[in-house]
Protein backbone atom coordinates (compact mmCIF):
# COMPACT_ATOMS: atom_id res chain seq x y z
CA UNK A 1 143.07 101.72 107.58
CA UNK A 2 147.13 101.78 108.94
CA UNK A 3 146.05 102.62 112.60
CA UNK A 4 143.29 99.70 112.59
CA UNK A 5 144.06 97.32 115.59
CA UNK A 6 144.65 93.59 114.90
CA UNK A 7 140.98 92.61 116.02
CA UNK A 8 139.26 95.54 113.72
CA UNK A 9 141.06 93.55 110.50
CA UNK A 10 140.24 90.08 111.92
CA UNK A 11 136.63 91.33 112.60
CA UNK A 12 136.21 92.18 109.05
CA UNK A 13 137.65 89.05 107.47
CA UNK A 14 135.74 86.84 109.91
CA UNK A 15 132.64 88.74 108.93
CA UNK A 16 133.79 88.41 105.20
CA UNK A 17 133.87 84.90 105.47
CA UNK A 18 130.22 84.79 107.34
CA UNK A 19 129.17 86.40 104.31
CA UNK A 20 130.52 84.26 101.53
CA UNK A 21 129.20 81.09 103.38
CA UNK A 22 125.71 82.82 103.83
CA UNK A 23 125.28 83.23 99.77
CA UNK A 24 127.50 80.82 97.68
CA UNK A 25 124.43 78.67 97.42
CA UNK A 26 123.32 81.19 95.01
CA UNK A 27 126.39 79.96 92.65
CA UNK A 28 124.22 76.66 92.65
CA UNK A 29 121.08 78.21 92.55
CA UNK A 30 121.43 80.86 89.89
CA UNK A 31 123.11 78.55 87.90
CA UNK A 32 120.18 76.12 87.95
CA UNK A 33 117.83 78.84 86.90
CA UNK A 34 119.84 80.48 84.00
CA UNK A 35 120.63 76.64 82.90
CA UNK A 36 116.75 76.81 82.10
CA UNK A 37 116.88 79.68 79.76
CA UNK A 38 119.40 77.74 77.24
CA UNK A 39 123.13 78.28 79.15
CA UNK A 40 124.97 75.06 80.41
CA UNK A 41 124.60 74.79 84.32
CA UNK A 42 128.86 75.02 83.73
CA UNK A 43 128.80 78.36 82.02
CA UNK A 44 125.92 79.56 84.27
CA UNK A 45 128.42 78.70 87.37
CA UNK A 46 131.33 80.65 85.96
CA UNK A 47 129.28 83.78 85.09
CA UNK A 48 127.78 83.83 88.99
CA UNK A 49 130.96 83.49 89.99
CA UNK A 50 132.45 86.25 87.91
CA UNK A 51 129.83 88.72 88.90
CA UNK A 52 129.71 88.08 92.28
CA UNK A 53 133.50 88.88 92.54
CA UNK A 54 133.54 92.02 90.51
CA UNK A 55 130.46 93.09 92.34
CA UNK A 56 131.55 92.62 95.91
CA UNK A 57 135.17 94.04 94.98
CA UNK A 58 133.88 97.00 93.53
CA UNK A 59 131.04 98.23 96.24
CA UNK A 60 134.21 97.39 98.64
CA UNK A 61 136.77 99.67 97.00
CA UNK A 62 134.32 102.22 96.23
CA UNK A 63 131.52 102.81 98.21
CA UNK A 64 133.88 101.37 101.26
CA UNK A 65 130.57 99.35 102.97
CA UNK A 66 130.24 95.89 103.92
CA UNK A 67 127.64 95.31 101.34
CA UNK A 68 127.15 91.98 99.33
CA UNK A 69 126.51 92.18 95.61
CA UNK A 70 125.57 88.88 93.99
CA UNK A 71 122.72 87.63 91.24
CA UNK A 72 119.40 88.79 93.22
CA UNK A 73 116.61 86.09 93.69
CA UNK A 74 113.47 87.19 91.70
CA UNK A 75 115.45 89.10 89.37
CA UNK A 76 117.13 85.86 87.72
CA UNK A 77 113.84 84.59 87.26
CA UNK A 78 112.49 87.59 85.74
CA UNK A 79 115.40 86.97 83.53
CA UNK A 80 115.54 83.37 82.39
CA UNK A 81 111.27 82.63 82.39
CA UNK A 82 110.05 86.23 81.17
CA UNK A 83 113.01 87.65 79.04
CA UNK A 84 114.43 85.05 77.50
CA UNK A 85 111.48 82.46 77.30
CA UNK A 86 108.62 84.38 77.17
CA UNK A 87 109.69 86.65 74.35
CA UNK A 88 111.64 83.63 72.81
CA UNK A 89 115.05 85.83 73.17
CA UNK A 90 118.27 84.03 72.71
CA UNK A 91 120.31 83.83 75.80
CA UNK A 92 122.97 86.28 74.02
CA UNK A 93 119.53 88.45 73.54
CA UNK A 94 118.38 88.19 76.96
CA UNK A 95 121.83 89.58 77.95
CA UNK A 96 121.43 92.77 76.02
CA UNK A 97 118.12 93.57 77.68
CA UNK A 98 119.76 93.04 81.14
CA UNK A 99 122.98 95.66 79.80
CA UNK A 100 120.39 98.36 78.77
CA UNK A 101 118.00 98.04 81.87
CA UNK A 102 120.86 97.77 84.20
CA UNK A 103 122.34 101.30 82.30
CA UNK A 104 118.94 102.93 83.03
CA UNK A 105 119.41 101.65 86.06
CA UNK A 106 122.74 103.42 86.48
CA UNK A 107 121.13 106.75 84.84
CA UNK A 108 118.90 106.50 87.58
CA UNK A 109 121.72 106.41 90.13
CA UNK A 110 123.67 108.91 89.25
CA UNK A 111 120.84 111.35 87.97
CA UNK A 112 117.79 113.07 89.96
CA UNK A 113 115.81 110.27 87.82
CA UNK A 114 116.02 107.80 90.63
CA UNK A 115 114.67 110.23 92.90
CA UNK A 116 111.44 111.06 90.67
CA UNK A 117 110.96 107.03 89.95
CA UNK A 118 110.96 106.64 93.89
CA UNK A 119 108.04 108.96 93.92
CA UNK A 120 106.21 108.13 90.64
CA UNK A 121 105.86 104.35 91.56
CA UNK A 122 103.68 104.11 94.32
CA UNK A 123 104.31 101.55 97.35
CA UNK A 124 101.82 99.18 96.64
CA UNK A 125 102.48 98.35 93.39
CA UNK A 126 106.27 97.70 94.48
CA UNK A 127 105.11 95.74 97.61
CA UNK A 128 102.91 93.71 94.79
CA UNK A 129 106.16 92.91 92.69
CA UNK A 130 108.09 91.81 95.81
CA UNK A 131 105.27 89.44 96.79
CA UNK A 132 104.58 88.32 93.03
CA UNK A 133 107.97 87.45 92.58
CA UNK A 134 107.98 85.65 96.08
CA UNK A 135 104.90 83.37 94.83
CA UNK A 136 106.86 82.53 91.54
CA UNK A 137 110.03 81.39 93.15
CA UNK A 138 107.90 79.19 95.75
CA UNK A 139 106.08 77.80 92.51
CA UNK A 140 109.25 77.09 90.73
CA UNK A 141 110.77 75.67 94.05
CA UNK A 142 107.50 73.59 94.73
CA UNK A 143 108.02 72.09 90.89
CA UNK A 144 111.50 71.82 91.11
CA UNK A 145 111.05 69.45 93.86
CA UNK A 146 108.29 67.33 91.90
CA UNK A 147 105.78 68.80 94.88
CA UNK A 148 103.53 69.74 92.27
CA UNK A 149 103.11 68.80 88.78
CA UNK A 150 100.66 69.61 85.71
CA UNK A 151 97.38 68.04 86.36
CA UNK A 152 95.02 66.49 83.99
CA UNK A 153 92.07 68.27 85.08
CA UNK A 154 93.60 71.15 86.76
CA UNK A 155 96.20 73.57 86.19
CA UNK A 156 98.47 72.02 88.90
CA UNK A 157 98.32 68.86 91.02
CA UNK A 158 100.28 67.42 93.92
CA UNK A 159 103.59 65.23 92.79
CA UNK A 160 103.91 61.46 93.63
CA UNK A 161 104.53 61.84 97.34
CA UNK A 162 105.61 57.98 97.17
CA UNK A 163 108.50 58.82 94.77
CA UNK A 164 111.90 58.65 96.50
CA UNK A 165 112.80 62.12 94.56
CA UNK A 166 109.76 63.79 96.30
CA UNK A 167 110.65 62.23 99.59
CA UNK A 168 114.19 63.89 99.37
CA UNK A 169 112.49 67.27 98.56
CA UNK A 170 110.29 67.01 101.42
CA UNK A 171 112.59 65.94 103.85
CA UNK A 172 115.51 68.82 102.65
CA UNK A 173 112.47 71.48 103.09
CA UNK A 174 112.05 70.34 106.72
CA UNK A 175 115.25 70.69 106.93
CA UNK A 176 115.92 74.14 105.44
CA UNK A 177 112.98 75.55 107.51
CA UNK A 178 114.37 74.12 110.82
CA UNK A 179 117.92 75.47 110.20
CA UNK A 180 116.32 78.83 109.08
CA UNK A 181 114.23 79.37 112.07
CA UNK A 182 117.08 78.25 114.33
CA UNK A 183 118.83 80.67 112.43
CA UNK A 184 121.75 78.49 111.67
CA UNK A 185 124.56 80.68 110.51
CA UNK A 186 125.15 79.59 106.71
CA UNK A 187 121.79 77.61 106.78
CA UNK A 188 121.47 77.54 103.14
CA UNK A 189 124.66 76.02 102.41
CA UNK A 190 124.33 73.48 104.98
CA UNK A 191 120.46 72.78 103.66
CA UNK A 192 121.52 72.28 100.25
CA UNK A 193 125.06 69.71 101.69
CA UNK A 194 122.03 68.06 103.86
CA UNK A 195 119.59 67.59 100.82
CA UNK A 196 122.64 66.18 99.07
CA UNK A 197 123.36 63.39 101.38
CA UNK A 198 119.52 62.60 101.72
CA UNK A 199 119.54 62.09 97.95
CA UNK A 200 122.38 59.84 98.12
CA UNK A 201 120.79 57.97 100.74
CA UNK A 202 118.00 57.47 98.57
CA UNK A 203 119.44 56.77 95.69
CA UNK A 204 118.39 59.37 93.59
CA UNK A 205 121.78 61.78 93.35
CA UNK A 206 123.76 61.65 89.63
CA UNK A 207 127.32 61.56 90.72
CA UNK A 208 128.99 62.63 87.58
CA UNK A 209 130.99 65.47 88.12
CA UNK A 210 131.40 68.95 86.49
CA UNK A 211 134.98 69.89 85.99
CA UNK A 212 135.70 73.37 84.81
CA UNK A 213 139.73 73.85 84.12
CA UNK A 214 141.61 76.95 83.80
CA UNK A 215 141.48 76.86 80.07
CA UNK A 216 137.80 76.73 79.87
CA UNK A 217 137.40 79.56 82.30
CA UNK A 218 139.90 81.35 80.27
CA UNK A 219 137.82 80.84 76.80
CA UNK A 220 134.52 81.35 78.61
CA UNK A 221 132.64 84.10 76.95
CA UNK A 222 128.67 84.66 76.72
CA UNK A 223 128.46 88.21 75.67
CA UNK A 224 125.05 90.21 74.84
CA UNK A 225 123.91 90.78 71.37
CA UNK A 226 122.23 93.88 70.39
CA UNK A 227 120.18 92.99 67.32
CA UNK A 228 117.10 92.94 68.41
CA UNK A 229 117.60 96.63 70.12
CA UNK A 230 115.36 98.59 67.50
CA UNK A 231 112.38 95.88 68.26
CA UNK A 232 109.53 96.97 70.32
CA UNK A 233 109.19 93.51 72.27
CA UNK A 234 113.08 94.79 73.13
CA UNK A 235 112.06 97.65 74.95
CA UNK A 236 108.80 95.88 76.67
CA UNK A 237 111.00 93.64 77.94
CA UNK A 238 113.89 96.36 79.38
CA UNK A 239 110.73 98.09 81.11
CA UNK A 240 110.06 95.47 83.80
CA UNK A 241 113.56 94.49 84.79
CA UNK A 242 114.56 98.37 84.70
CA UNK A 243 111.57 98.71 87.39
CA UNK A 244 112.81 95.83 90.01
CA UNK A 245 116.16 96.94 89.21
CA UNK A 246 116.11 100.58 90.54
CA UNK A 247 113.58 99.86 93.48
CA UNK A 248 115.26 96.44 94.84
CA UNK A 249 118.55 98.23 94.90
CA UNK A 250 116.90 101.27 96.71
CA UNK A 251 115.07 99.49 99.22
CA UNK A 252 117.65 96.90 100.36
CA UNK A 253 120.37 99.67 100.35
CA UNK A 254 118.29 101.79 102.56
CA UNK A 255 117.44 98.97 104.77
CA UNK A 256 121.33 97.77 105.21
CA UNK A 257 122.99 101.26 105.55
CA UNK A 258 120.34 102.21 108.23
CA UNK A 259 121.92 99.11 110.03
CA UNK A 260 125.16 100.47 109.90
CA UNK A 261 124.13 104.34 110.45
CA UNK A 262 126.13 105.31 107.01
CA UNK A 263 122.96 106.84 104.96
CA UNK A 264 125.49 109.17 103.63
CA UNK A 265 126.83 106.29 101.54
CA UNK A 266 123.94 105.58 99.80
CA UNK A 267 124.58 107.67 96.23
CA UNK A 268 128.41 105.71 95.96
CA UNK A 269 126.75 102.52 96.85
CA UNK A 270 123.59 102.72 94.75
CA UNK A 271 126.21 103.76 91.92
CA UNK A 272 128.14 100.40 92.48
CA UNK A 273 125.06 98.00 92.95
CA UNK A 274 123.81 100.02 89.28
CA UNK A 275 127.56 99.29 87.60
CA UNK A 276 127.93 95.84 88.67
CA UNK A 277 124.34 95.06 87.04
CA UNK A 278 125.80 96.58 83.96
CA UNK A 279 128.81 94.21 84.43
CA UNK A 280 126.46 90.98 84.82
CA UNK A 281 125.26 91.25 81.18
CA UNK A 282 128.68 91.19 79.86
CA UNK A 283 129.64 88.48 82.51
CA UNK A 284 126.77 86.37 81.03
CA UNK A 285 124.42 86.53 84.06
CA UNK A 286 121.24 88.10 84.98
CA UNK A 287 121.60 91.46 87.11
CA UNK A 288 123.43 91.40 90.40
CA UNK A 289 121.45 93.37 93.48
CA UNK A 290 122.42 94.08 97.06
CA UNK A 291 121.45 90.82 98.80
CA UNK A 292 119.45 90.78 101.94
CA UNK A 293 122.00 88.23 104.15
CA UNK A 294 124.29 91.70 104.10
CA UNK A 295 122.48 91.90 107.17
CA UNK A 296 124.22 88.67 108.70
CA UNK A 297 127.49 90.35 107.82
CA UNK A 298 126.63 93.49 109.83
CA UNK A 299 125.28 91.44 112.57
CA UNK A 300 129.20 90.08 112.38
CA UNK A 301 130.35 93.34 113.30
CA UNK A 302 131.51 94.25 109.39
CA UNK A 303 131.64 97.84 109.17
CA UNK A 304 134.06 98.70 106.18
CA UNK A 305 134.05 97.84 102.46
CA UNK A 306 137.02 95.56 103.48
CA UNK A 307 134.27 92.89 104.44
CA UNK A 308 132.91 93.07 101.08
CA UNK A 309 136.37 92.82 98.85
CA UNK A 310 137.02 89.13 101.28
CA UNK A 311 133.73 87.77 100.08
CA UNK A 312 134.63 88.70 96.54
CA UNK A 313 138.01 86.75 97.08
CA UNK A 314 136.34 83.94 98.25
CA UNK A 315 133.79 83.86 95.87
CA UNK A 316 136.84 83.60 92.89
CA UNK A 317 137.67 80.58 95.14
CA UNK A 318 134.54 79.01 94.22
CA UNK A 319 135.93 78.27 90.66
CA UNK A 320 138.07 75.14 92.89
CA UNK A 321 134.54 74.27 94.25
CA UNK A 322 132.59 73.50 91.42
CA UNK A 323 133.32 69.64 90.89
CA UNK A 324 131.63 69.21 94.10
CA UNK A 325 128.91 71.94 94.10
CA UNK A 326 127.95 70.32 90.53
CA UNK A 327 126.97 67.16 92.62
CA UNK A 328 123.98 69.37 94.37
CA UNK A 329 120.70 67.83 92.74
CA UNK A 330 117.36 70.22 91.99
CA UNK A 331 115.57 68.88 95.13
CA UNK A 332 118.13 69.85 97.46
CA UNK A 333 118.00 73.83 95.96
CA UNK A 334 114.51 73.69 96.17
CA UNK A 335 113.79 74.35 99.45
CA UNK A 336 116.31 77.62 99.25
CA UNK A 337 113.71 78.92 95.90
CA UNK A 338 110.83 78.45 98.55
CA UNK A 339 112.04 79.81 101.83
CA UNK A 340 113.42 83.06 99.98
CA UNK A 341 109.94 83.20 97.97
CA UNK A 342 108.10 83.09 101.35
CA UNK A 343 110.70 85.60 103.09
CA UNK A 344 109.89 87.96 100.00
CA UNK A 345 106.18 87.62 100.49
CA UNK A 346 106.35 89.06 104.24
CA UNK A 347 105.75 92.02 102.03
CA UNK A 348 101.78 91.38 102.61
CA UNK A 349 101.75 92.98 105.75
CA UNK A 350 102.38 96.57 104.21
CA UNK A 351 99.04 96.12 101.86
CA UNK A 352 96.26 98.47 102.86
CA UNK A 353 93.46 95.96 102.35
CA UNK A 354 90.86 98.79 103.79
CA UNK A 355 91.66 100.95 100.52
CA UNK A 356 90.59 98.78 97.26
CA UNK A 357 92.03 101.32 95.05
CA UNK A 358 95.55 100.59 96.63
CA UNK A 359 94.82 96.84 97.02
CA UNK A 360 93.59 95.80 93.83
CA UNK A 361 96.50 96.70 91.67
CA UNK A 362 98.80 94.86 94.17
CA UNK A 363 96.48 91.59 94.53
CA UNK A 364 96.41 91.12 90.69
CA UNK A 365 100.60 91.96 90.48
CA UNK A 366 100.94 88.97 93.01
CA UNK A 367 98.66 86.75 91.61
CA UNK A 368 99.24 87.46 88.17
CA UNK A 369 102.60 86.92 88.42
CA UNK A 370 102.77 83.10 89.10
CA UNK A 371 99.25 82.21 87.61
CA UNK A 372 100.60 83.54 84.01
CA UNK A 373 103.54 82.26 84.75
CA UNK A 374 105.33 85.80 83.51
CA UNK A 375 106.57 88.43 86.00
CA UNK A 376 106.35 90.96 83.21
CA UNK A 377 102.70 90.20 82.21
CA UNK A 378 101.84 90.08 86.33
CA UNK A 379 103.11 93.60 86.29
CA UNK A 380 101.63 95.22 83.51
CA UNK A 381 98.06 94.18 85.10
CA UNK A 382 98.44 96.09 88.07
CA UNK A 383 100.31 99.16 86.53
CA UNK A 384 97.29 99.03 84.02
CA UNK A 385 94.66 99.00 86.97
CA UNK A 386 96.22 101.39 89.13
CA UNK A 387 95.81 104.93 87.26
CA UNK A 388 92.17 103.13 86.23
CA UNK A 389 90.80 102.72 89.51
CA UNK A 390 92.45 106.03 91.00
CA UNK A 391 90.74 107.93 88.26
CA UNK A 392 87.51 106.05 88.67
CA UNK A 393 87.61 106.82 92.74
CA UNK A 394 88.19 110.20 91.62
CA UNK A 395 91.56 110.55 93.28
CA UNK A 396 93.66 111.09 90.06
CA UNK A 397 96.01 113.26 92.06
CA UNK A 398 97.93 110.68 93.17
CA UNK A 399 98.45 109.20 89.80
CA UNK A 400 101.67 110.77 88.20
CA UNK A 401 102.75 111.72 84.74
CA UNK A 402 105.60 109.03 84.85
CA UNK A 403 103.30 106.46 85.96
CA UNK A 404 100.81 107.13 83.33
CA UNK A 405 103.66 106.63 80.54
CA UNK A 406 104.85 103.45 82.40
CA UNK A 407 101.22 102.19 82.48
CA UNK A 408 100.45 102.98 78.78
CA UNK A 409 103.75 100.62 77.81
CA UNK A 410 102.59 98.03 79.53
CA UNK A 411 99.16 98.74 77.90
CA UNK A 412 100.83 99.13 74.78
CA UNK A 413 102.47 95.44 75.14
CA UNK A 414 99.19 93.78 75.62
CA UNK A 415 98.00 95.22 72.46
CA UNK A 416 100.92 94.11 70.46
CA UNK A 417 100.39 90.90 72.05
CA UNK A 418 96.78 90.27 70.79
CA UNK A 419 97.01 91.66 67.10
CA UNK A 420 100.47 90.42 66.30
């Protein structure tokens, strides 16, 4: 690095700035989701900043690749709505699930277990999980924006489109889609800023600012608890989170390192991702994952870990922006959830619709996640159905013993819910 030309340093720093501006939206969006699980928005912002800072710096120094590590969209919904709310855990108990699931992820990253998991879980189920998470995020975004509401004669109905709040949501969504399809840099950040200005113009913006002092940061402590670790429900909650973390990280890293032509860095990068996810539980947030926005950083000619370190440092500086970030309303955040959800749904192109033994379990996962409002239950439907339809079709050789074990655990979860 000592012999680097000045333009190489400059390229890495500029790419780091682009990466930060592209992903700083996560501080607002993640805190909005986490606050639904029982933590204050202020603490959620602190936790998100700390986890993003450490994750980026860790992968930059250890793996030496320009990967962005931030709390994952979809994973945060799994944590908040399925693990904490569905299982009636306290926020701290939910963090205990995060730590254990991340440790399982770490074990698979440092042992051959990772490859065994990769072979055991069919691609159909992996795609179903991603699509289902995308549909769930779209549902949450539509609800937060007031575009759909609980109906009297149906599960959901359209919101009041004459309401200024809903009008702001629609205009913000339009702005977000236009900026995204135009591939405008930092489009999510700009969407939230414009959405906030629109909300102000329509008189629906709460102008009370959140102020976080150095003392409040120093005293911040939301630690995981493990008093429920011997309960069966704890391990049932750990199962889907572990699966999502393992395969989402693997998939994202493979694609990102392929863009860099740095496949030899996969093991270190995957270990960094797993360790960062474990730290997330102690920082007080849902697990971090390699961000899809890393592609923008690589496109900006980032090639080394210096870019990730720059992003981490910039995330740390976000503490000074919290009074302004706290002004962003939910209906300026909802377009981000909807757009990210739609992007995750692109995996639908990989479904083998001509093979019902593959398509049926996939469709079960993708539809049952939003319909049950539970990511864990949606996954369970698909994982239980897959070995059944394969065996009935006379294709039991396509079902691995590890998949049978995982499916049995999901079935056990349903039986416990039915009799307890």
